[in-house]
Amino acid sequence: MAKIVACDNEKDIRDLIVHVLEEKGHKVTAVKDGSDCLKAMQGEKPDLVLVDIMMPDLSGWDVFNKIMKKNKKQKVAFISVLEISEARKKELSKKGLVAYIRKPFSADEFLEKVNEILKA
């Protein structure tokens, strides 16, 4: 199954992501902030990185930009409560973002979206 790094400063969200994905056989590394996300990726190439946008140290935008500078082929998806326009989503897609998952989400919706991303 897939190796996934999940970055969210909310413990409840991290726990939900880990539970849902590990139940399906994925290996999940859950981290609480952007700095830890970048550290978790050193020496390991995850199949997918899930990043919250609003975090206390590095924002999800910053993490995304740093990841893309190193590896433009890395699959990165945002998970956020923020609403962004379709135009902004298209712009981010051109820069390499593979998905935008809006919180709150159900476990089934989340798993379906992650499976779509991994198959693409």
Protein backbone atom coordinates (compact mmCIF):
# COMPACT_ATOMS: atom_id res chain seq x y z
CA MET A 1 0.00 0.00 0.00
CA ALA A 2 0.94 3.68 -0.05
CA LYS A 3 3.29 5.69 2.16
CA ILE A 4 1.55 8.89 3.22
CA VAL A 5 2.69 11.88 5.26
CA ALA A 6 -0.22 13.69 6.93
CA CYS A 7 0.46 17.15 8.34
CA ASP A 8 -2.16 18.84 10.48
CA ASN A 9 -1.81 20.82 13.71
CA GLU A 10 -5.12 19.41 15.01
CA LYS A 11 -4.55 16.11 16.81
CA ASP A 12 -8.13 14.92 16.20
CA ILE A 13 -7.69 15.33 12.44
CA ARG A 14 -4.30 13.55 12.49
CA ASP A 15 -5.79 10.69 14.49
CA LEU A 16 -8.73 10.36 12.09
CA ILE A 17 -6.46 10.36 9.04
CA VAL A 18 -4.16 7.74 10.57
CA HIS A 19 -7.07 5.53 11.61
CA VAL A 20 -8.85 5.68 8.25
CA LEU A 21 -5.75 5.15 6.12
CA GLU A 22 -3.98 2.53 8.25
CA GLU A 23 -7.20 0.53 8.41
CA LYS A 24 -6.87 0.21 4.62
CA GLY A 25 -3.22 -0.86 4.86
CA HIS A 26 -1.46 2.42 4.16
CA LYS A 27 1.63 3.44 6.11
CA VAL A 28 1.00 6.89 7.60
CA THR A 29 3.46 9.28 9.19
CA ALA A 30 1.44 11.93 11.02
CA VAL A 31 3.11 15.21 11.97
CA LYS A 32 1.88 18.34 13.74
CA ASP A 33 3.49 21.13 11.74
CA GLY A 34 5.19 22.14 8.51
CA SER A 35 8.74 21.79 9.81
CA ASP A 36 8.04 18.23 10.95
CA CYS A 37 6.46 17.50 7.58
CA LEU A 38 9.60 18.52 5.71
CA LYS A 39 11.76 16.51 8.15
CA ALA A 40 9.54 13.43 7.69
CA MET A 41 10.13 13.59 3.95
CA GLN A 42 13.92 13.61 4.21
CA GLY A 43 15.34 10.37 2.89
CA GLU A 44 11.89 8.97 2.12
CA LYS A 45 9.63 9.56 -0.84
CA PRO A 46 6.00 9.30 0.20
CA ASP A 47 3.35 8.44 -2.35
CA LEU A 48 1.23 11.32 -1.04
CA VAL A 49 1.62 14.30 1.29
CA LEU A 50 -1.52 15.71 2.91
CA VAL A 51 -1.01 19.23 4.26
CA ASP A 52 -3.28 21.52 6.26
CA ILE A 53 -3.07 25.12 5.05
CA MET A 54 -3.35 26.95 8.38
CA MET A 55 -0.60 25.88 10.75
CA PRO A 56 1.38 27.75 13.39
CA ASP A 57 4.95 27.50 12.07
CA LEU A 58 5.08 27.04 8.30
CA SER A 59 1.80 27.40 6.48
CA GLY A 60 0.63 24.70 4.12
CA TRP A 61 1.39 27.10 1.26
CA ASP A 62 5.01 27.34 2.43
CA VAL A 63 5.32 23.58 2.84
CA PHE A 64 3.82 23.00 -0.61
CA ASN A 65 6.22 25.47 -2.25
CA LYS A 66 9.25 23.93 -0.52
CA ILE A 67 8.20 20.42 -1.57
CA MET A 68 7.62 21.48 -5.18
CA LYS A 69 11.04 23.15 -5.36
CA LYS A 70 12.67 19.82 -4.47
CA ASN A 71 10.38 17.44 -6.37
CA LYS A 72 7.81 18.71 -8.86
CA LYS A 73 6.38 15.18 -9.21
CA GLN A 74 5.56 14.73 -5.52
CA LYS A 75 1.82 14.28 -4.98
CA VAL A 76 0.63 16.93 -2.52
CA ALA A 77 -2.97 17.61 -1.46
CA PHE A 78 -4.27 20.34 0.80
CA ILE A 79 -6.72 19.58 3.59
CA SER A 80 -8.35 22.71 4.96
CA VAL A 81 -11.43 24.48 6.24
CA LEU A 82 -10.57 27.42 3.99
CA GLU A 83 -12.66 27.91 0.90
CA ILE A 84 -10.65 28.78 -2.18
CA SER A 85 -11.91 29.75 -5.60
CA GLU A 86 -11.93 27.46 -8.59
CA ALA A 87 -9.48 29.83 -10.29
CA ARG A 88 -7.07 29.47 -7.37
CA LYS A 89 -7.47 25.67 -7.44
CA LYS A 90 -6.59 25.66 -11.14
CA GLU A 91 -3.56 27.86 -10.49
CA LEU A 92 -2.38 25.52 -7.71
CA SER A 93 -3.00 22.51 -9.93
CA LYS A 94 -0.65 23.99 -12.54
CA LYS A 95 1.97 24.30 -9.79
CA GLY A 96 1.55 20.63 -8.87
CA LEU A 97 -1.22 20.40 -6.27
CA VAL A 98 -3.13 17.17 -6.91
CA ALA A 99 -6.22 17.82 -4.77
CA TYR A 100 -7.98 20.09 -2.32
CA ILE A 101 -9.87 18.25 0.41
CA ARG A 102 -12.24 20.47 2.36
CA LYS A 103 -12.78 19.95 6.08
CA PRO A 104 -14.94 18.76 7.64
CA PHE A 105 -15.05 15.48 5.76
CA SER A 106 -16.44 12.05 6.48
CA ALA A 107 -14.08 9.10 6.70
CA ASP A 108 -15.64 7.58 3.57
CA GLU A 109 -15.34 10.79 1.52
CA PHE A 110 -11.75 11.24 2.64
CA LEU A 111 -10.76 7.67 1.81
CA GLU A 112 -12.45 7.88 -1.60
CA LYS A 113 -10.54 11.07 -2.44
CA VAL A 114 -7.19 9.64 -1.28
CA ASN A 115 -7.76 6.51 -3.36
CA GLU A 116 -8.50 8.67 -6.43
CA ILE A 117 -5.27 10.61 -5.87
CA LEU A 118 -3.17 7.48 -5.44
CA LYS A 119 -4.57 5.89 -8.62
CA ALA A 120 -3.89 8.99 -10.74
